[in-house]
Amino acid sequence: MDVDIAMVGGGPAGLALAGNLERASFSSVVYQPSARDVPPRGGCLDLHEGGGQLAMEEAGCYEKCWECGQEVEMQPFTKPVVPTSDDRTSRRREAGFSLLLRRFTHTG
């Protein structure tokens, strides 16, 4: 694979940098040593409309992240987050960070 820049670390900063480099016409690859073997974790990526979702659209990765997530219905802090019922049309999704790492990085 012939690229201009290789990055180690598929966290939010590494993935954002890869998107910015692509928009600046640099080819890049992001390596995450354990991307394929990352066990499910409790954390998730929670992006709001007009903020994080807008930044992802501008970076050109919104649709790929959307595919990784599951729509959820947000409840007050006293209740758990639950999957969205079929009768709601929410544009809010949660995506486990482990799944995003596997989707956007290369193991190497």
PDB file of N, CA and C in Angstrom:
ATOM      1  N   MET A   1       0.844  -1.167   0.000  1.00  0.00           N
ATOM      2  CA  MET A   1       0.000   0.000   0.000  1.00  0.00           C
ATOM      3  C   MET A   1       0.896   1.239   0.000  1.00  0.00           C
ATOM      4  N   ASP A   2       0.741   2.090  -0.991  1.00  0.00           N
ATOM      5  CA  ASP A   2       1.556   3.296  -1.126  1.00  0.00           C
ATOM      6  C   ASP A   2       0.732   4.503  -0.689  1.00  0.00           C
ATOM      7  N   VAL A   3       1.114   5.116   0.448  1.00  0.00           N
ATOM      8  CA  VAL A   3       0.380   6.268   0.977  1.00  0.00           C
ATOM      9  C   VAL A   3       1.351   7.375   1.364  1.00  0.00           C
ATOM     10  N   ASP A   4       0.840   8.593   1.445  1.00  0.00           N
ATOM     11  CA  ASP A   4       1.664   9.729   1.866  1.00  0.00           C
ATOM     12  C   ASP A   4       1.964   9.692   3.358  1.00  0.00           C
ATOM     13  N   ILE A   5       0.953   9.358   4.164  1.00  0.00           N
ATOM     14  CA  ILE A   5       1.097   9.414   5.623  1.00  0.00           C
ATOM     15  C   ILE A   5       0.445   8.191   6.248  1.00  0.00           C
ATOM     16  N   ALA A   6       1.155   7.560   7.186  1.00  0.00           N
ATOM     17  CA  ALA A   6       0.601   6.449   7.963  1.00  0.00           C
ATOM     18  C   ALA A   6       0.499   6.900   9.414  1.00  0.00           C
ATOM     19  N   MET A   7      -0.634   6.634  10.027  1.00  0.00           N
ATOM     20  CA  MET A   7      -0.849   7.018  11.424  1.00  0.00           C
ATOM     21  C   MET A   7      -1.081   5.776  12.256  1.00  0.00           C
ATOM     22  N   VAL A   8      -0.589   5.794  13.472  1.00  0.00           N
ATOM     23  CA  VAL A   8      -0.831   4.714  14.414  1.00  0.00           C
ATOM     24  C   VAL A   8      -1.782   5.251  15.464  1.00  0.00           C
ATOM     25  N   GLY A   9      -2.920   4.627  15.569  1.00  0.00           N
ATOM     26  CA  GLY A   9      -3.917   5.041  16.551  1.00  0.00           C
ATOM     27  C   GLY A   9      -5.202   5.472  15.881  1.00  0.00           C
ATOM     28  N   GLY A  10      -6.223   4.647  16.044  1.00  0.00           N
ATOM     29  CA  GLY A  10      -7.508   4.917  15.408  1.00  0.00           C
ATOM     30  C   GLY A  10      -8.519   5.557  16.321  1.00  0.00           C
ATOM     31  N   GLY A  11      -8.046   6.354  17.268  1.00  0.00           N
ATOM     32  CA  GLY A  11      -8.981   7.073  18.124  1.00  0.00           C
ATOM     33  C   GLY A  11      -9.621   8.229  17.373  1.00  0.00           C
ATOM     34  N   PRO A  12     -10.435   9.004  18.056  1.00  0.00           N
ATOM     35  CA  PRO A  12     -11.107  10.125  17.388  1.00  0.00           C
ATOM     36  C   PRO A  12     -10.132  11.083  16.698  1.00  0.00           C
ATOM     37  N   ALA A  13      -8.992  11.370  17.315  1.00  0.00           N
ATOM     38  CA  ALA A  13      -8.030  12.297  16.709  1.00  0.00           C
ATOM     39  C   ALA A  13      -7.404  11.704  15.449  1.00  0.00           C
ATOM     40  N   GLY A  14      -7.025  10.427  15.500  1.00  0.00           N
ATOM     41  CA  GLY A  14      -6.429   9.788  14.330  1.00  0.00           C
ATOM     42  C   GLY A  14      -7.393   9.706  13.163  1.00  0.00           C
ATOM     43  N   LEU A  15      -8.649   9.369  13.448  1.00  0.00           N
ATOM     44  CA  LEU A  15      -9.643   9.278  12.385  1.00  0.00           C
ATOM     45  C   LEU A  15      -9.968  10.657  11.818  1.00  0.00           C
ATOM     46  N   ALA A  16     -10.040  11.664  12.683  1.00  0.00           N
ATOM     47  CA  ALA A  16     -10.303  13.028  12.208  1.00  0.00           C
ATOM     48  C   ALA A  16      -9.151  13.520  11.332  1.00  0.00           C
ATOM     49  N   LEU A  17      -7.914  13.235  11.758  1.00  0.00           N
ATOM     50  CA  LEU A  17      -6.755  13.639  10.969  1.00  0.00           C
ATOM     51  C   LEU A  17      -6.778  12.972   9.597  1.00  0.00           C
ATOM     52  N   ALA A  18      -7.130  11.704   9.544  1.00  0.00           N
ATOM     53  CA  ALA A  18      -7.201  10.999   8.262  1.00  0.00           C
ATOM     54  C   ALA A  18      -8.210  11.670   7.333  1.00  0.00           C
ATOM     55  N   GLY A  19      -9.352  12.068   7.874  1.00  0.00           N
ATOM     56  CA  GLY A  19     -10.349  12.762   7.060  1.00  0.00           C
ATOM     57  C   GLY A  19      -9.849  14.101   6.556  1.00  0.00           C
ATOM     58  N   ASN A  20      -9.175  14.847   7.424  1.00  0.00           N
ATOM     59  CA  ASN A  20      -8.632  16.148   7.021  1.00  0.00           C
ATOM     60  C   ASN A  20      -7.543  15.995   5.960  1.00  0.00           C
ATOM     61  N   LEU A  21      -6.704  14.977   6.108  1.00  0.00           N
ATOM     62  CA  LEU A  21      -5.655  14.739   5.114  1.00  0.00           C
ATOM     63  C   LEU A  21      -6.255  14.396   3.755  1.00  0.00           C
ATOM     64  N   GLU A  22      -7.308  13.587   3.762  1.00  0.00           N
ATOM     65  CA  GLU A  22      -7.952  13.216   2.502  1.00  0.00           C
ATOM     66  C   GLU A  22      -8.516  14.451   1.803  1.00  0.00           C
ATOM     67  N   ARG A  23      -9.150  15.333   2.564  1.00  0.00           N
ATOM     68  CA  ARG A  23      -9.696  16.559   1.973  1.00  0.00           C
ATOM     69  C   ARG A  23      -8.587  17.469   1.431  1.00  0.00           C
ATOM     70  N   ALA A  24      -7.384  17.345   1.991  1.00  0.00           N
ATOM     71  CA  ALA A  24      -6.238  18.137   1.520  1.00  0.00           C
ATOM     72  C   ALA A  24      -5.448  17.394   0.434  1.00  0.00           C
ATOM     73  N   SER A  25      -6.029  16.314  -0.100  1.00  0.00           N
ATOM     74  CA  SER A  25      -5.441  15.529  -1.199  1.00  0.00           C
ATOM     75  C   SER A  25      -4.203  14.735  -0.816  1.00  0.00           C
ATOM     76  N   PHE A  26      -4.087  14.352   0.461  1.00  0.00           N
ATOM     77  CA  PHE A  26      -3.032  13.440   0.895  1.00  0.00           C
ATOM     78  C   PHE A  26      -3.650  12.068   1.109  1.00  0.00           C
ATOM     79  N   SER A  27      -2.956  11.030   0.673  1.00  0.00           N
ATOM     80  CA  SER A  27      -3.432   9.681   0.970  1.00  0.00           C
ATOM     81  C   SER A  27      -2.894   9.275   2.336  1.00  0.00           C
ATOM     82  N   SER A  28      -3.703   8.530   3.077  1.00  0.00           N
ATOM     83  CA  SER A  28      -3.268   8.111   4.414  1.00  0.00           C
ATOM     84  C   SER A  28      -3.887   6.772   4.761  1.00  0.00           C
ATOM     85  N   VAL A  29      -3.310   6.163   5.771  1.00  0.00           N
ATOM     86  CA  VAL A  29      -3.849   4.926   6.322  1.00  0.00           C
ATOM     87  C   VAL A  29      -3.728   5.032   7.837  1.00  0.00           C
ATOM     88  N   VAL A  30      -4.731   4.509   8.535  1.00  0.00           N
ATOM     89  CA  VAL A  30      -4.725   4.514   9.999  1.00  0.00           C
ATOM     90  C   VAL A  30      -4.556   3.078  10.463  1.00  0.00           C
ATOM     91  N   TYR A  31      -3.529   2.832  11.259  1.00  0.00           N
ATOM     92  CA  TYR A  31      -3.292   1.505  11.817  1.00  0.00           C
ATOM     93  C   TYR A  31      -3.693   1.495  13.282  1.00  0.00           C
ATOM     94  N   GLN A  32      -4.455   0.497  13.644  1.00  0.00           N
ATOM     95  CA  GLN A  32      -4.844   0.275  15.034  1.00  0.00           C
ATOM     96  C   GLN A  32      -4.438  -1.160  15.333  1.00  0.00           C
ATOM     97  N   PRO A  33      -3.379  -1.377  16.112  1.00  0.00           N
ATOM     98  CA  PRO A  33      -2.831  -2.721  16.299  1.00  0.00           C
ATOM     99  C   PRO A  33      -3.858  -3.797  16.635  1.00  0.00           C
ATOM    100  N   SER A  34      -4.882  -3.461  17.367  1.00  0.00           N
ATOM    101  CA  SER A  34      -5.837  -4.498  17.765  1.00  0.00           C
ATOM    102  C   SER A  34      -7.236  -4.236  17.226  1.00  0.00           C
ATOM    103  N   ALA A  35      -7.353  -3.526  16.127  1.00  0.00           N
ATOM    104  CA  ALA A  35      -8.674  -3.127  15.630  1.00  0.00           C
ATOM    105  C   ALA A  35      -9.614  -4.310  15.421  1.00  0.00           C
ATOM    106  N   ARG A  36      -9.112  -5.411  14.898  1.00  0.00           N
ATOM    107  CA  ARG A  36      -9.985  -6.561  14.606  1.00  0.00           C
ATOM    108  C   ARG A  36     -10.274  -7.401  15.853  1.00  0.00           C
ATOM    109  N   ASP A  37      -9.436  -7.253  16.876  1.00  0.00           N
ATOM    110  CA  ASP A  37      -9.580  -8.083  18.065  1.00  0.00           C
ATOM    111  C   ASP A  37     -10.123  -7.321  19.268  1.00  0.00           C
ATOM    112  N   VAL A  38     -10.557  -6.099  19.071  1.00  0.00           N
ATOM    113  CA  VAL A  38     -11.041  -5.292  20.188  1.00  0.00           C
ATOM    114  C   VAL A  38     -12.357  -5.871  20.695  1.00  0.00           C
ATOM    115  N   PRO A  39     -12.407  -6.265  21.974  1.00  0.00           N
ATOM    116  CA  PRO A  39     -13.659  -6.799  22.506  1.00  0.00           C
ATOM    117  C   PRO A  39     -14.680  -5.676  22.673  1.00  0.00           C
ATOM    118  N   PRO A  40     -15.966  -6.023  22.682  1.00  0.00           N
ATOM    119  CA  PRO A  40     -16.983  -4.990  22.909  1.00  0.00           C
ATOM    120  C   PRO A  40     -16.725  -4.279  24.235  1.00  0.00           C
ATOM    121  N   ARG A  41     -16.900  -2.971  24.235  1.00  0.00           N
ATOM    122  CA  ARG A  41     -16.710  -2.170  25.440  1.00  0.00           C
ATOM    123  C   ARG A  41     -17.995  -1.425  25.745  1.00  0.00           C
ATOM    124  N   GLY A  42     -18.040  -0.856  26.916  1.00  0.00           N
ATOM    125  CA  GLY A  42     -19.240  -0.132  27.317  1.00  0.00           C
ATOM    126  C   GLY A  42     -19.364   1.243  26.709  1.00  0.00           C
ATOM    127  N   GLY A  43     -18.285   1.792  26.166  1.00  0.00           N
ATOM    128  CA  GLY A  43     -18.325   3.146  25.631  1.00  0.00           C
ATOM    129  C   GLY A  43     -18.979   3.214  24.271  1.00  0.00           C
ATOM    130  N   CYS A  44     -19.429   4.401  23.923  1.00  0.00           N
ATOM    131  CA  CYS A  44     -20.015   4.599  22.611  1.00  0.00           C
ATOM    132  C   CYS A  44     -19.725   6.013  22.140  1.00  0.00           C
ATOM    133  N   LEU A  45     -19.937   6.234  20.886  1.00  0.00           N
ATOM    134  CA  LEU A  45     -19.765   7.545  20.288  1.00  0.00           C
ATOM    135  C   LEU A  45     -21.135   8.190  20.197  1.00  0.00           C
ATOM    136  N   ASP A  46     -21.321   9.303  20.871  1.00  0.00           N
ATOM    137  CA  ASP A  46     -22.607   9.997  20.928  1.00  0.00           C
ATOM    138  C   ASP A  46     -22.436  11.358  20.271  1.00  0.00           C
ATOM    139  N   LEU A  47     -22.962  11.511  19.075  1.00  0.00           N
ATOM    140  CA  LEU A  47     -22.805  12.758  18.335  1.00  0.00           C
ATOM    141  C   LEU A  47     -24.161  13.408  18.107  1.00  0.00           C
ATOM    142  N   HIS A  48     -24.228  14.689  18.362  1.00  0.00           N
ATOM    143  CA  HIS A  48     -25.479  15.428  18.239  1.00  0.00           C
ATOM    144  C   HIS A  48     -25.550  16.145  16.893  1.00  0.00           C
ATOM    145  N   GLU A  49     -26.788  16.379  16.414  1.00  0.00           N
ATOM    146  CA  GLU A  49     -26.989  17.129  15.179  1.00  0.00           C
ATOM    147  C   GLU A  49     -26.422  18.532  15.347  1.00  0.00           C
ATOM    148  N   GLY A  50     -25.828  19.064  14.307  1.00  0.00           N
ATOM    149  CA  GLY A  50     -25.282  20.409  14.348  1.00  0.00           C
ATOM    150  C   GLY A  50     -23.919  20.498  15.004  1.00  0.00           C
ATOM    151  N   GLY A  51     -23.472  19.441  15.647  1.00  0.00           N
ATOM    152  CA  GLY A  51     -22.163  19.426  16.292  1.00  0.00           C
ATOM    153  C   GLY A  51     -21.328  18.320  15.693  1.00  0.00           C
ATOM    154  N   GLY A  52     -21.275  17.198  16.422  1.00  0.00           N
ATOM    155  CA  GLY A  52     -20.476  16.068  15.973  1.00  0.00           C
ATOM    156  C   GLY A  52     -20.950  15.473  14.660  1.00  0.00           C
ATOM    157  N   GLN A  53     -22.278  15.396  14.463  1.00  0.00           N
ATOM    158  CA  GLN A  53     -22.783  14.849  13.204  1.00  0.00           C
ATOM    159  C   GLN A  53     -22.390  15.737  12.029  1.00  0.00           C
ATOM    160  N   LEU A  54     -22.446  17.040  12.222  1.00  0.00           N
ATOM    161  CA  LEU A  54     -22.053  17.974  11.170  1.00  0.00           C
ATOM    162  C   LEU A  54     -20.563  17.828  10.851  1.00  0.00           C
ATOM    163  N   ALA A  55     -19.739  17.690  11.878  1.00  0.00           N
ATOM    164  CA  ALA A  55     -18.301  17.508  11.667  1.00  0.00           C
ATOM    165  C   ALA A  55     -18.027  16.224  10.895  1.00  0.00           C
ATOM    166  N   MET A  56     -18.774  15.164  11.202  1.00  0.00           N
ATOM    167  CA  MET A  56     -18.586  13.904  10.483  1.00  0.00           C
ATOM    168  C   MET A  56     -19.018  14.036   9.027  1.00  0.00           C
ATOM    169  N   GLU A  57     -20.107  14.769   8.774  1.00  0.00           N
ATOM    170  CA  GLU A  57     -20.530  15.005   7.391  1.00  0.00           C
ATOM    171  C   GLU A  57     -19.443  15.750   6.630  1.00  0.00           C
ATOM    172  N   GLU A  58     -18.879  16.774   7.252  1.00  0.00           N
ATOM    173  CA  GLU A  58     -17.821  17.549   6.604  1.00  0.00           C
ATOM    174  C   GLU A  58     -16.567  16.710   6.369  1.00  0.00           C
ATOM    175  N   ALA A  59     -16.319  15.729   7.234  1.00  0.00           N
ATOM    176  CA  ALA A  59     -15.158  14.845   7.076  1.00  0.00           C
ATOM    177  C   ALA A  59     -15.427  13.727   6.077  1.00  0.00           C
ATOM    178  N   GLY A  60     -16.686  13.584   5.642  1.00  0.00           N
ATOM    179  CA  GLY A  60     -17.023  12.571   4.654  1.00  0.00           C
ATOM    180  C   GLY A  60     -17.189  11.172   5.202  1.00  0.00           C
ATOM    181  N   CYS A  61     -17.386  11.033   6.514  1.00  0.00           N
ATOM    182  CA  CYS A  61     -17.513   9.684   7.079  1.00  0.00           C
ATOM    183  C   CYS A  61     -18.842   9.472   7.812  1.00  0.00           C
ATOM    184  N   TYR A  62     -19.778  10.388   7.669  1.00  0.00           N
ATOM    185  CA  TYR A  62     -21.043  10.295   8.390  1.00  0.00           C
ATOM    186  C   TYR A  62     -21.803   9.014   8.048  1.00  0.00           C
ATOM    187  N   GLU A  63     -21.951   8.715   6.762  1.00  0.00           N
ATOM    188  CA  GLU A  63     -22.743   7.552   6.349  1.00  0.00           C
ATOM    189  C   GLU A  63     -22.138   6.243   6.853  1.00  0.00           C
ATOM    190  N   LYS A  64     -20.807   6.115   6.804  1.00  0.00           N
ATOM    191  CA  LYS A  64     -20.173   4.886   7.293  1.00  0.00           C
ATOM    192  C   LYS A  64     -20.405   4.719   8.790  1.00  0.00           C
ATOM    193  N   CYS A  65     -20.294   5.816   9.532  1.00  0.00           N
ATOM    194  CA  CYS A  65     -20.545   5.736  10.976  1.00  0.00           C
ATOM    195  C   CYS A  65     -22.010   5.439  11.251  1.00  0.00           C
ATOM    196  N   TRP A  66     -22.904   6.027  10.469  1.00  0.00           N
ATOM    197  CA  TRP A  66     -24.341   5.802  10.644  1.00  0.00           C
ATOM    198  C   TRP A  66     -24.655   4.314  10.495  1.00  0.00           C
ATOM    199  N   GLU A  67     -24.023   3.664   9.524  1.00  0.00           N
ATOM    200  CA  GLU A  67     -24.249   2.238   9.297  1.00  0.00           C
ATOM    201  C   GLU A  67     -23.799   1.394  10.491  1.00  0.00           C
ATOM    202  N   CYS A  68     -22.805   1.847  11.235  1.00  0.00           N
ATOM    203  CA  CYS A  68     -22.280   1.102  12.380  1.00  0.00           C
ATOM    204  C   CYS A  68     -23.174   1.218  13.607  1.00  0.00           C
ATOM    205  N   GLY A  69     -23.978   2.249  13.670  1.00  0.00           N
ATOM    206  CA  GLY A  69     -24.730   2.534  14.886  1.00  0.00           C
ATOM    207  C   GLY A  69     -26.107   1.907  14.938  1.00  0.00           C
ATOM    208  N   GLN A  70     -26.748   2.136  16.057  1.00  0.00           N
ATOM    209  CA  GLN A  70     -28.116   1.681  16.282  1.00  0.00           C
ATOM    210  C   GLN A  70     -28.894   2.874  16.819  1.00  0.00           C
ATOM    211  N   GLU A  71     -30.084   3.126  16.249  1.00  0.00           N
ATOM    212  CA  GLU A  71     -30.887   4.233  16.740  1.00  0.00           C
ATOM    213  C   GLU A  71     -31.290   3.965  18.182  1.00  0.00           C
ATOM    214  N   VAL A  72     -31.269   5.006  18.975  1.00  0.00           N
ATOM    215  CA  VAL A  72     -31.643   4.877  20.381  1.00  0.00           C
ATOM    216  C   VAL A  72     -32.604   5.989  20.761  1.00  0.00           C
ATOM    217  N   GLU A  73     -33.358   5.733  21.787  1.00  0.00           N
ATOM    218  CA  GLU A  73     -34.253   6.730  22.368  1.00  0.00           C
ATOM    219  C   GLU A  73     -33.628   7.176  23.679  1.00  0.00           C
ATOM    220  N   MET A  74     -33.341   8.446  23.792  1.00  0.00           N
ATOM    221  CA  MET A  74     -32.698   8.955  24.995  1.00  0.00           C
ATOM    222  C   MET A  74     -33.738   9.136  26.102  1.00  0.00           C
ATOM    223  N   GLN A  75     -33.394   8.693  27.291  1.00  0.00           N
ATOM    224  CA  GLN A  75     -34.266   8.771  28.457  1.00  0.00           C
ATOM    225  C   GLN A  75     -33.632   9.694  29.489  1.00  0.00           C
ATOM    226  N   PRO A  76     -34.411  10.143  30.468  1.00  0.00           N
ATOM    227  CA  PRO A  76     -33.808  10.905  31.569  1.00  0.00           C
ATOM    228  C   PRO A  76     -32.693  10.088  32.226  1.00  0.00           C
ATOM    229  N   PHE A  77     -31.799  10.762  32.947  1.00  0.00           N
ATOM    230  CA  PHE A  77     -30.656  10.079  33.552  1.00  0.00           C
ATOM    231  C   PHE A  77     -31.053   8.927  34.463  1.00  0.00           C
ATOM    232  N   THR A  78     -32.270   8.909  34.946  1.00  0.00           N
ATOM    233  CA  THR A  78     -32.700   7.850  35.856  1.00  0.00           C
ATOM    234  C   THR A  78     -33.097   6.581  35.123  1.00  0.00           C
ATOM    235  N   LYS A  79     -33.137   6.614  33.781  1.00  0.00           N
ATOM    236  CA  LYS A  79     -33.525   5.443  32.995  1.00  0.00           C
ATOM    237  C   LYS A  79     -32.395   5.089  32.028  1.00  0.00           C
ATOM    238  N   PRO A  80     -32.330   3.824  31.599  1.00  0.00           N
ATOM    239  CA  PRO A  80     -31.280   3.424  30.654  1.00  0.00           C
ATOM    240  C   PRO A  80     -31.588   3.898  29.230  1.00  0.00           C
ATOM    241  N   VAL A  81     -30.563   3.917  28.384  1.00  0.00           N
ATOM    242  CA  VAL A  81     -30.750   4.177  26.960  1.00  0.00           C
ATOM    243  C   VAL A  81     -31.298   2.902  26.341  1.00  0.00           C
ATOM    244  N   VAL A  82     -32.342   3.023  25.538  1.00  0.00           N
ATOM    245  CA  VAL A  82     -32.975   1.851  24.939  1.00  0.00           C
ATOM    246  C   VAL A  82     -33.045   2.024  23.426  1.00  0.00           C
ATOM    247  N   PRO A  83     -33.075   0.902  22.678  1.00  0.00           N
ATOM    248  CA  PRO A  83     -33.232   1.025  21.224  1.00  0.00           C
ATOM    249  C   PRO A  83     -34.510   1.779  20.890  1.00  0.00           C
ATOM    250  N   THR A  84     -34.483   2.511  19.787  1.00  0.00           N
ATOM    251  CA  THR A  84     -35.642   3.279  19.359  1.00  0.00           C
ATOM    252  C   THR A  84     -36.754   2.342  18.927  1.00  0.00           C
ATOM    253  N   SER A  85     -37.986   2.661  19.301  1.00  0.00           N
ATOM    254  CA  SER A  85     -39.126   1.863  18.864  1.00  0.00           C
ATOM    255  C   SER A  85     -39.362   2.119  17.380  1.00  0.00           C
ATOM    256  N   ASP A  86     -40.045   1.190  16.717  1.00  0.00           N
ATOM    257  CA  ASP A  86     -40.258   1.271  15.275  1.00  0.00           C
ATOM    258  C   ASP A  86     -41.060   2.493  14.848  1.00  0.00           C
ATOM    259  N   ASP A  87     -41.862   3.056  15.748  1.00  0.00           N
ATOM    260  CA  ASP A  87     -42.723   4.170  15.355  1.00  0.00           C
ATOM    261  C   ASP A  87     -42.040   5.531  15.469  1.00  0.00           C
ATOM    262  N   ARG A  88     -40.769   5.577  15.830  1.00  0.00           N
ATOM    263  CA  ARG A  88     -40.055   6.856  15.945  1.00  0.00           C
ATOM    264  C   ARG A  88     -39.101   7.033  14.773  1.00  0.00           C
ATOM    265  N   THR A  89     -38.876   8.249  14.376  1.00  0.00           N
ATOM    266  CA  THR A  89     -37.946   8.530  13.288  1.00  0.00           C
ATOM    267  C   THR A  89     -36.830   9.423  13.802  1.00  0.00           C
ATOM    268  N   SER A  90     -36.028   8.898  14.670  1.00  0.00           N
ATOM    269  CA  SER A  90     -34.928   9.645  15.276  1.00  0.00           C
ATOM    270  C   SER A  90     -33.702   9.604  14.371  1.00  0.00           C
ATOM    271  N   ARG A  91     -32.965  10.704  14.319  1.00  0.00           N
ATOM    272  CA  ARG A  91     -31.697  10.716  13.599  1.00  0.00           C
ATOM    273  C   ARG A  91     -30.550  10.619  14.589  1.00  0.00           C
ATOM    274  N   ARG A  92     -30.780  10.009  15.695  1.00  0.00           N
ATOM    275  CA  ARG A  92     -29.756   9.870  16.730  1.00  0.00           C
ATOM    276  C   ARG A  92     -29.359   8.410  16.796  1.00  0.00           C
ATOM    277  N   ARG A  93     -28.079   8.154  16.754  1.00  0.00           N
ATOM    278  CA  ARG A  93     -27.578   6.782  16.853  1.00  0.00           C
ATOM    279  C   ARG A  93     -26.413   6.739  17.803  1.00  0.00           C
ATOM    280  N   GLU A  94     -26.200   5.574  18.371  1.00  0.00           N
ATOM    281  CA  GLU A  94     -25.040   5.303  19.209  1.00  0.00           C
ATOM    282  C   GLU A  94     -24.249   4.214  18.498  1.00  0.00           C
ATOM    283  N   ALA A  95     -22.943   4.368  18.449  1.00  0.00           N
ATOM    284  CA  ALA A  95     -22.091   3.361  17.825  1.00  0.00           C
ATOM    285  C   ALA A  95     -20.983   3.002  18.796  1.00  0.00           C
ATOM    286  N   GLY A  96     -20.852   1.721  19.092  1.00  0.00           N
ATOM    287  CA  GLY A  96     -19.781   1.274  19.962  1.00  0.00           C
ATOM    288  C   GLY A  96     -18.428   1.605  19.357  1.00  0.00           C
ATOM    289  N   PHE A  97     -17.514   2.126  20.168  1.00  0.00           N
ATOM    290  CA  PHE A  97     -16.217   2.545  19.648  1.00  0.00           C
ATOM    291  C   PHE A  97     -15.442   1.368  19.068  1.00  0.00           C
ATOM    292  N   SER A  98     -15.592   0.183  19.640  1.00  0.00           N
ATOM    293  CA  SER A  98     -14.898  -1.002  19.113  1.00  0.00           C
ATOM    294  C   SER A  98     -15.316  -1.268  17.673  1.00  0.00           C
ATOM    295  N   LEU A  99     -16.608  -1.131  17.396  1.00  0.00           N
ATOM    296  CA  LEU A  99     -17.115  -1.351  16.046  1.00  0.00           C
ATOM    297  C   LEU A  99     -16.566  -0.303  15.082  1.00  0.00           C
ATOM    298  N   LEU A 100     -16.499   0.947  15.528  1.00  0.00           N
ATOM    299  CA  LEU A 100     -15.945   2.002  14.678  1.00  0.00           C
ATOM    300  C   LEU A 100     -14.468   1.756  14.372  1.00  0.00           C
ATOM    301  N   LEU A 101     -13.708   1.283  15.362  1.00  0.00           N
ATOM    302  CA  LEU A 101     -12.293   0.972  15.119  1.00  0.00           C
ATOM    303  C   LEU A 101     -12.150  -0.091  14.043  1.00  0.00           C
ATOM    304  N   ARG A 102     -12.958  -1.140  14.133  1.00  0.00           N
ATOM    305  CA  ARG A 102     -12.876  -2.214  13.139  1.00  0.00           C
ATOM    306  C   ARG A 102     -13.256  -1.707  11.752  1.00  0.00           C
ATOM    307  N   ARG A 103     -14.183  -0.766  11.684  1.00  0.00           N
ATOM    308  CA  ARG A 103     -14.673  -0.274  10.395  1.00  0.00           C
ATOM    309  C   ARG A 103     -13.687   0.665   9.697  1.00  0.00           C
ATOM    310  N   PHE A 104     -12.978   1.496  10.470  1.00  0.00           N
ATOM    311  CA  PHE A 104     -12.195   2.569   9.882  1.00  0.00           C
ATOM    312  C   PHE A 104     -10.683   2.405   9.959  1.00  0.00           C
ATOM    313  N   THR A 105     -10.175   1.322  10.524  1.00  0.00           N
ATOM    314  CA  THR A 105      -8.724   1.183  10.650  1.00  0.00           C
ATOM    315  C   THR A 105      -8.242  -0.123  10.040  1.00  0.00           C
ATOM    316  N   HIS A 106      -6.932  -0.199   9.851  1.00  0.00           N
ATOM    317  CA  HIS A 106      -6.288  -1.408   9.342  1.00  0.00           C
ATOM    318  C   HIS A 106      -5.490  -2.043  10.463  1.00  0.00           C
ATOM    319  N   THR A 107      -5.507  -3.366  10.532  1.00  0.00           N
ATOM    320  CA  THR A 107      -4.692  -4.074  11.505  1.00  0.00           C
ATOM    321  C   THR A 107      -3.310  -4.269  10.897  1.00  0.00           C
ATOM    322  N   GLY A 108      -2.293  -4.008  11.691  1.00  0.00           N
ATOM    323  CA  GLY A 108      -0.961  -4.152  11.115  1.00  0.00           C
ATOM    324  C   GLY A 108       0.107  -4.338  12.089  1.00  0.00           C
TER     325      GLY A 108
END
